[in-house]
């Protein structure tokens, strides 16, 4: 599972919808939401792909499946990871990509200022972790 891949991001975002369910969710419950978030028809996101994705989530500890059931439950760790990654993608990486790929003059001034501050803070974090000169 690689952060930023559309399928992974859709899966994590859809996972946040199921944290509150007492009786958990099934493959088909999550599959419809993931397909919608990917913008593809349900037929293009097969039950086999969903099963594979659920297995990856389970092995990473993001969801739990009780033995001899077809239901899954979002773990507290899974809820935190899904929420964090969904927020990072929506609030940091999407605007940052817009800034990188678009003309910076087109961005509203407050957004451009905020993204500049985020960039400065990331530089500080990276410098603290790996003290060396920043590349131009």
N, C-alpha and C. Protein backbone atom coordinates (compact mmCIF):
# COMPACT_ATOMS: atom_id res chain seq x y z
N UNK A 1 0.85 -1.17 0.00
CA UNK A 1 0.00 0.00 0.00
C UNK A 1 0.90 1.23 0.00
N UNK A 2 0.79 2.00 -1.04
CA UNK A 2 1.62 3.20 -1.15
C UNK A 2 0.76 4.44 -1.04
N UNK A 3 1.13 5.30 -0.12
CA UNK A 3 0.41 6.55 0.08
C UNK A 3 0.42 7.35 -1.22
N UNK A 4 -0.73 7.90 -1.57
CA UNK A 4 -0.84 8.74 -2.75
C UNK A 4 -1.40 8.03 -3.96
N UNK A 5 -1.34 6.72 -4.00
CA UNK A 5 -1.94 6.00 -5.13
C UNK A 5 -3.46 6.15 -5.04
N UNK A 6 -4.12 6.43 -6.16
CA UNK A 6 -5.57 6.67 -6.13
C UNK A 6 -6.37 5.55 -5.46
N UNK A 7 -6.01 4.32 -5.73
CA UNK A 7 -6.77 3.20 -5.15
C UNK A 7 -6.59 3.15 -3.63
N UNK A 8 -5.38 3.38 -3.16
CA UNK A 8 -5.11 3.37 -1.72
C UNK A 8 -5.82 4.53 -1.04
N UNK A 9 -5.77 5.70 -1.66
CA UNK A 9 -6.41 6.87 -1.05
C UNK A 9 -7.92 6.70 -1.02
N UNK A 10 -8.50 6.15 -2.08
CA UNK A 10 -9.95 5.90 -2.09
C UNK A 10 -10.32 4.87 -1.03
N UNK A 11 -9.50 3.86 -0.87
CA UNK A 11 -9.74 2.82 0.12
C UNK A 11 -9.70 3.40 1.54
N UNK A 12 -8.71 4.21 1.83
CA UNK A 12 -8.59 4.80 3.17
C UNK A 12 -9.72 5.78 3.45
N UNK A 13 -10.08 6.57 2.46
CA UNK A 13 -11.18 7.52 2.65
C UNK A 13 -12.49 6.78 2.88
N UNK A 14 -12.73 5.73 2.11
CA UNK A 14 -13.95 4.94 2.29
C UNK A 14 -13.97 4.25 3.65
N UNK A 15 -12.81 3.86 4.13
CA UNK A 15 -12.71 3.19 5.42
C UNK A 15 -13.19 4.09 6.56
N UNK A 16 -12.99 5.39 6.42
CA UNK A 16 -13.42 6.31 7.48
C UNK A 16 -14.94 6.33 7.64
N UNK A 17 -15.67 5.89 6.64
CA UNK A 17 -17.13 5.87 6.71
C UNK A 17 -17.66 4.74 7.59
N UNK A 18 -16.84 3.74 7.87
CA UNK A 18 -17.32 2.53 8.52
C UNK A 18 -16.86 2.37 9.96
N UNK A 19 -16.18 3.34 10.52
CA UNK A 19 -15.64 3.22 11.87
C UNK A 19 -16.75 3.14 12.91
N UNK A 20 -17.84 3.80 12.69
CA UNK A 20 -18.91 3.90 13.69
C UNK A 20 -19.86 2.70 13.70
N UNK A 21 -19.75 1.78 12.75
CA UNK A 21 -20.69 0.67 12.65
C UNK A 21 -20.39 -0.41 13.69
N UNK A 22 -21.39 -0.71 14.50
CA UNK A 22 -21.22 -1.69 15.57
C UNK A 22 -21.05 -3.10 15.01
N UNK A 23 -21.80 -3.42 13.96
CA UNK A 23 -21.71 -4.78 13.41
C UNK A 23 -20.72 -4.88 12.24
N UNK A 24 -19.87 -3.88 12.07
CA UNK A 24 -18.84 -3.92 11.04
C UNK A 24 -19.38 -3.74 9.63
N UNK A 25 -18.58 -4.16 8.67
CA UNK A 25 -18.96 -4.02 7.26
C UNK A 25 -18.51 -5.25 6.50
N UNK A 26 -19.05 -5.40 5.31
CA UNK A 26 -18.69 -6.52 4.43
C UNK A 26 -17.96 -5.99 3.20
N UNK A 27 -17.41 -6.91 2.45
CA UNK A 27 -16.70 -6.60 1.22
C UNK A 27 -17.55 -5.70 0.33
N UNK A 28 -18.78 -6.10 0.06
CA UNK A 28 -19.62 -5.34 -0.88
C UNK A 28 -20.01 -3.97 -0.34
N UNK A 29 -20.07 -3.81 0.99
CA UNK A 29 -20.39 -2.50 1.57
C UNK A 29 -19.30 -1.48 1.23
N UNK A 30 -18.06 -1.89 1.39
CA UNK A 30 -16.93 -0.99 1.15
C UNK A 30 -16.65 -0.83 -0.34
N UNK A 31 -16.87 -1.87 -1.10
CA UNK A 31 -16.54 -1.88 -2.54
C UNK A 31 -17.26 -0.77 -3.31
N UNK A 32 -18.53 -0.57 -3.04
CA UNK A 32 -19.30 0.47 -3.73
C UNK A 32 -18.71 1.85 -3.48
N UNK A 33 -18.34 2.12 -2.24
CA UNK A 33 -17.77 3.43 -1.90
C UNK A 33 -16.40 3.64 -2.56
N UNK A 34 -15.58 2.61 -2.56
CA UNK A 34 -14.26 2.73 -3.19
C UNK A 34 -14.41 2.98 -4.69
N UNK A 35 -15.29 2.25 -5.34
CA UNK A 35 -15.52 2.44 -6.78
C UNK A 35 -16.00 3.87 -7.06
N UNK A 36 -16.92 4.37 -6.23
CA UNK A 36 -17.40 5.74 -6.41
C UNK A 36 -16.27 6.75 -6.25
N UNK A 37 -15.43 6.56 -5.24
CA UNK A 37 -14.32 7.48 -5.02
C UNK A 37 -13.27 7.41 -6.13
N UNK A 38 -13.12 6.25 -6.72
CA UNK A 38 -12.20 6.11 -7.85
C UNK A 38 -12.79 6.68 -9.14
N UNK A 39 -14.12 6.86 -9.15
CA UNK A 39 -14.78 7.36 -10.34
C UNK A 39 -14.91 6.32 -11.43
N UNK A 40 -15.00 5.05 -11.03
CA UNK A 40 -15.15 3.97 -12.01
C UNK A 40 -16.45 3.22 -11.73
N UNK A 41 -17.02 2.58 -12.75
CA UNK A 41 -18.20 1.74 -12.50
C UNK A 41 -17.84 0.58 -11.58
N UNK A 42 -18.83 0.10 -10.87
CA UNK A 42 -18.62 -1.00 -9.93
C UNK A 42 -18.02 -2.23 -10.62
N UNK A 43 -18.36 -2.44 -11.88
CA UNK A 43 -17.84 -3.59 -12.62
C UNK A 43 -16.32 -3.51 -12.82
N UNK A 44 -15.76 -2.29 -12.80
CA UNK A 44 -14.32 -2.13 -13.01
C UNK A 44 -13.51 -2.29 -11.72
N UNK A 45 -14.18 -2.32 -10.59
CA UNK A 45 -13.50 -2.59 -9.31
C UNK A 45 -14.11 -3.88 -8.78
N UNK A 46 -13.47 -4.99 -9.11
CA UNK A 46 -14.06 -6.31 -8.90
C UNK A 46 -14.03 -6.74 -7.44
N UNK A 47 -14.88 -7.72 -7.09
CA UNK A 47 -14.84 -8.27 -5.73
C UNK A 47 -13.46 -8.86 -5.38
N UNK A 48 -12.76 -9.38 -6.38
CA UNK A 48 -11.42 -9.93 -6.14
C UNK A 48 -10.44 -8.83 -5.74
N UNK A 49 -10.54 -7.67 -6.41
CA UNK A 49 -9.68 -6.55 -6.04
C UNK A 49 -10.00 -6.07 -4.62
N UNK A 50 -11.29 -6.03 -4.30
CA UNK A 50 -11.70 -5.61 -2.96
C UNK A 50 -11.19 -6.58 -1.91
N UNK A 51 -11.27 -7.88 -2.19
CA UNK A 51 -10.76 -8.90 -1.26
C UNK A 51 -9.26 -8.72 -1.05
N UNK A 52 -8.54 -8.47 -2.13
CA UNK A 52 -7.10 -8.24 -2.04
C UNK A 52 -6.81 -7.02 -1.18
N UNK A 53 -7.55 -5.93 -1.40
CA UNK A 53 -7.35 -4.71 -0.62
C UNK A 53 -7.69 -4.92 0.85
N UNK A 54 -8.77 -5.65 1.13
CA UNK A 54 -9.13 -5.95 2.51
C UNK A 54 -8.05 -6.78 3.20
N UNK A 55 -7.48 -7.72 2.48
CA UNK A 55 -6.40 -8.53 3.05
C UNK A 55 -5.20 -7.65 3.40
N UNK A 56 -4.86 -6.73 2.51
CA UNK A 56 -3.74 -5.83 2.80
C UNK A 56 -4.02 -4.96 4.02
N UNK A 57 -5.26 -4.45 4.12
CA UNK A 57 -5.63 -3.64 5.28
C UNK A 57 -5.57 -4.47 6.57
N UNK A 58 -6.01 -5.71 6.48
CA UNK A 58 -6.00 -6.59 7.66
C UNK A 58 -4.57 -6.90 8.09
N UNK A 59 -3.70 -7.20 7.14
CA UNK A 59 -2.31 -7.52 7.47
C UNK A 59 -1.55 -6.32 8.02
N UNK A 60 -1.98 -5.13 7.66
CA UNK A 60 -1.36 -3.90 8.19
C UNK A 60 -1.95 -3.50 9.54
N UNK A 61 -3.00 -4.20 9.98
CA UNK A 61 -3.61 -3.90 11.27
C UNK A 61 -4.63 -2.79 11.24
N UNK A 62 -5.08 -2.40 10.05
CA UNK A 62 -6.05 -1.31 9.94
C UNK A 62 -7.48 -1.80 10.15
N UNK A 63 -7.72 -3.06 9.84
CA UNK A 63 -9.04 -3.66 10.06
C UNK A 63 -8.85 -5.02 10.73
N UNK A 64 -9.94 -5.53 11.29
CA UNK A 64 -9.93 -6.81 11.98
C UNK A 64 -11.11 -7.63 11.48
N UNK A 65 -10.88 -8.92 11.21
CA UNK A 65 -11.96 -9.82 10.81
C UNK A 65 -12.01 -10.96 11.81
N UNK A 66 -13.11 -11.04 12.58
CA UNK A 66 -13.24 -12.17 13.51
C UNK A 66 -13.25 -13.50 12.75
N UNK A 67 -12.73 -14.56 13.34
CA UNK A 67 -12.71 -15.86 12.66
C UNK A 67 -14.11 -16.33 12.29
N UNK A 68 -14.20 -16.98 11.15
CA UNK A 68 -15.44 -17.59 10.64
C UNK A 68 -16.55 -16.57 10.40
N UNK A 69 -16.17 -15.35 10.03
CA UNK A 69 -17.17 -14.34 9.66
C UNK A 69 -16.74 -13.68 8.36
N UNK A 70 -17.67 -12.96 7.75
CA UNK A 70 -17.37 -12.16 6.56
C UNK A 70 -17.43 -10.68 6.88
N UNK A 71 -17.36 -10.34 8.13
CA UNK A 71 -17.45 -8.94 8.55
C UNK A 71 -16.08 -8.43 8.98
N UNK A 72 -15.88 -7.16 8.74
CA UNK A 72 -14.63 -6.51 9.11
C UNK A 72 -14.95 -5.34 10.04
N UNK A 73 -14.00 -5.01 10.90
CA UNK A 73 -14.14 -3.89 11.82
C UNK A 73 -12.90 -3.02 11.69
N UNK A 74 -13.10 -1.71 11.70
CA UNK A 74 -11.98 -0.78 11.65
C UNK A 74 -11.36 -0.74 13.04
N UNK A 75 -10.05 -0.94 13.13
CA UNK A 75 -9.36 -0.87 14.41
C UNK A 75 -9.14 0.59 14.79
N UNK A 76 -8.91 0.88 16.07
CA UNK A 76 -8.59 2.27 16.45
C UNK A 76 -7.38 2.80 15.68
N UNK A 77 -6.36 1.95 15.52
CA UNK A 77 -5.19 2.34 14.73
C UNK A 77 -5.57 2.61 13.28
N UNK A 78 -6.42 1.76 12.71
CA UNK A 78 -6.87 1.94 11.33
C UNK A 78 -7.63 3.22 11.14
N UNK A 79 -8.46 3.57 12.11
CA UNK A 79 -9.23 4.82 12.05
C UNK A 79 -8.29 6.01 12.03
N UNK A 80 -7.28 5.98 12.89
CA UNK A 80 -6.32 7.10 12.96
C UNK A 80 -5.52 7.23 11.67
N UNK A 81 -5.05 6.11 11.16
CA UNK A 81 -4.25 6.12 9.92
C UNK A 81 -5.10 6.60 8.75
N UNK A 82 -6.30 6.05 8.61
CA UNK A 82 -7.17 6.43 7.49
C UNK A 82 -7.52 7.91 7.55
N UNK A 83 -7.83 8.39 8.74
CA UNK A 83 -8.18 9.81 8.89
C UNK A 83 -6.98 10.71 8.61
N UNK A 84 -5.83 10.35 9.16
CA UNK A 84 -4.62 11.15 8.95
C UNK A 84 -4.25 11.21 7.47
N UNK A 85 -4.19 10.06 6.80
CA UNK A 85 -3.79 10.04 5.40
C UNK A 85 -4.81 10.74 4.51
N UNK A 86 -6.09 10.60 4.82
CA UNK A 86 -7.12 11.28 4.04
C UNK A 86 -6.99 12.78 4.17
N UNK A 87 -6.75 13.23 5.39
CA UNK A 87 -6.59 14.67 5.61
C UNK A 87 -5.32 15.21 4.96
N UNK A 88 -4.22 14.47 5.09
CA UNK A 88 -2.98 14.91 4.46
C UNK A 88 -3.15 15.06 2.95
N UNK A 89 -3.80 14.08 2.35
CA UNK A 89 -3.99 14.12 0.90
C UNK A 89 -4.86 15.31 0.50
N UNK A 90 -5.94 15.53 1.24
CA UNK A 90 -6.89 16.59 0.88
C UNK A 90 -6.37 17.98 1.23
N UNK A 91 -5.69 18.11 2.34
CA UNK A 91 -5.32 19.44 2.83
C UNK A 91 -3.90 19.87 2.53
N UNK A 92 -3.02 18.91 2.26
CA UNK A 92 -1.63 19.27 2.01
C UNK A 92 -1.21 18.93 0.59
N UNK A 93 -1.34 17.66 0.21
CA UNK A 93 -0.76 17.24 -1.06
C UNK A 93 -1.54 17.73 -2.28
N UNK A 94 -2.86 17.71 -2.22
CA UNK A 94 -3.63 18.21 -3.37
C UNK A 94 -3.35 19.70 -3.61
N UNK A 95 -3.44 20.57 -2.57
CA UNK A 95 -3.10 21.98 -2.80
C UNK A 95 -1.64 22.18 -3.21
N UNK A 96 -0.74 21.38 -2.64
CA UNK A 96 0.67 21.51 -3.00
C UNK A 96 0.88 21.15 -4.47
N UNK A 97 0.22 20.09 -4.93
CA UNK A 97 0.35 19.72 -6.34
C UNK A 97 -0.24 20.80 -7.24
N UNK A 98 -1.32 21.42 -6.79
CA UNK A 98 -1.90 22.52 -7.56
C UNK A 98 -0.90 23.66 -7.66
N UNK A 99 -0.18 23.90 -6.57
CA UNK A 99 0.80 24.98 -6.56
C UNK A 99 1.98 24.64 -7.47
N UNK A 100 2.40 23.39 -7.45
CA UNK A 100 3.56 22.99 -8.25
C UNK A 100 3.23 22.99 -9.74
N UNK A 101 2.05 22.48 -10.08
CA UNK A 101 1.72 22.31 -11.49
C UNK A 101 1.09 23.55 -12.11
N UNK A 102 0.58 24.45 -11.30
CA UNK A 102 -0.06 25.65 -11.84
C UNK A 102 0.85 26.85 -11.64
N UNK A 103 0.47 27.92 -12.28
CA UNK A 103 1.17 29.18 -12.11
C UNK A 103 0.87 29.69 -10.70
N UNK A 104 1.90 29.96 -9.92
CA UNK A 104 1.72 30.38 -8.52
C UNK A 104 0.93 31.69 -8.44
N UNK A 105 0.99 32.51 -9.47
CA UNK A 105 0.26 33.77 -9.46
C UNK A 105 -1.25 33.55 -9.51
N UNK A 106 -1.69 32.39 -9.97
CA UNK A 106 -3.11 32.08 -10.08
C UNK A 106 -3.71 31.75 -8.72
N UNK A 107 -2.90 31.20 -7.80
CA UNK A 107 -3.40 30.82 -6.49
C UNK A 107 -3.78 32.05 -5.67
N UNK A 108 -4.85 31.96 -4.89
CA UNK A 108 -5.20 33.07 -4.00
C UNK A 108 -4.05 33.31 -3.01
N UNK A 109 -3.84 34.57 -2.67
CA UNK A 109 -2.72 34.93 -1.82
C UNK A 109 -2.69 34.18 -0.49
N UNK A 110 -3.83 34.06 0.24
CA UNK A 110 -3.77 33.32 1.52
C UNK A 110 -3.34 31.86 1.34
N UNK A 111 -3.80 31.21 0.28
CA UNK A 111 -3.41 29.83 0.03
C UNK A 111 -1.93 29.75 -0.30
N UNK A 112 -1.45 30.65 -1.13
CA UNK A 112 -0.03 30.67 -1.49
C UNK A 112 0.83 30.89 -0.24
N UNK A 113 0.39 31.81 0.63
CA UNK A 113 1.11 32.09 1.87
C UNK A 113 1.13 30.86 2.78
N UNK A 114 -0.01 30.21 2.91
CA UNK A 114 -0.10 29.02 3.77
C UNK A 114 0.78 27.90 3.24
N UNK A 115 0.78 27.69 1.94
CA UNK A 115 1.61 26.64 1.35
C UNK A 115 3.09 26.96 1.51
N UNK A 116 3.44 28.24 1.44
CA UNK A 116 4.83 28.63 1.68
C UNK A 116 5.24 28.31 3.12
N UNK A 117 4.33 28.55 4.08
CA UNK A 117 4.63 28.23 5.49
C UNK A 117 4.77 26.72 5.68
N UNK A 118 3.91 25.95 5.03
CA UNK A 118 4.02 24.49 5.11
C UNK A 118 5.37 24.05 4.54
N UNK A 119 5.77 24.63 3.43
CA UNK A 119 7.05 24.29 2.81
C UNK A 119 8.20 24.61 3.75
N UNK A 120 8.14 25.76 4.41
CA UNK A 120 9.19 26.13 5.37
C UNK A 120 9.26 25.15 6.53
N UNK A 121 8.09 24.76 7.06
CA UNK A 121 8.06 23.82 8.18
C UNK A 121 8.58 22.45 7.77
N UNK A 122 8.23 22.01 6.57
CA UNK A 122 8.76 20.74 6.07
C UNK A 122 10.28 20.80 5.93
N UNK A 123 10.79 21.93 5.45
CA UNK A 123 12.24 22.10 5.35
C UNK A 123 12.89 21.99 6.72
N UNK A 124 12.28 22.62 7.74
CA UNK A 124 12.83 22.55 9.10
C UNK A 124 12.81 21.13 9.64
N UNK A 125 11.71 20.42 9.43
CA UNK A 125 11.63 19.03 9.89
C UNK A 125 12.68 18.16 9.21
N UNK A 126 12.84 18.34 7.92
CA UNK A 126 13.83 17.55 7.18
C UNK A 126 15.24 17.91 7.63
N UNK A 127 15.49 19.19 7.84
CA UNK A 127 16.82 19.62 8.28
C UNK A 127 17.13 19.07 9.67
N UNK A 128 16.12 19.08 10.56
CA UNK A 128 16.33 18.53 11.91
C UNK A 128 16.63 17.03 11.85
N UNK A 129 15.96 16.33 10.96
CA UNK A 129 16.17 14.88 10.84
C UNK A 129 17.48 14.55 10.12
N UNK A 130 17.82 15.34 9.11
CA UNK A 130 19.02 15.10 8.30
C UNK A 130 19.75 16.43 8.12
N UNK A 131 20.56 16.84 9.10
CA UNK A 131 21.21 18.15 9.01
C UNK A 131 22.22 18.22 7.85
N UNK A 132 21.82 18.88 6.80
CA UNK A 132 22.71 19.16 5.67
C UNK A 132 22.12 20.32 4.89
N UNK A 133 22.86 20.81 3.96
CA UNK A 133 22.41 21.96 3.18
C UNK A 133 21.21 21.60 2.31
N UNK A 134 20.26 22.53 2.24
CA UNK A 134 19.08 22.35 1.38
C UNK A 134 19.50 22.59 -0.07
N UNK A 135 19.06 21.70 -0.95
CA UNK A 135 19.35 21.86 -2.37
C UNK A 135 18.55 23.02 -2.91
N UNK A 136 19.17 23.83 -3.76
CA UNK A 136 18.62 25.03 -4.34
C UNK A 136 17.27 24.96 -4.79
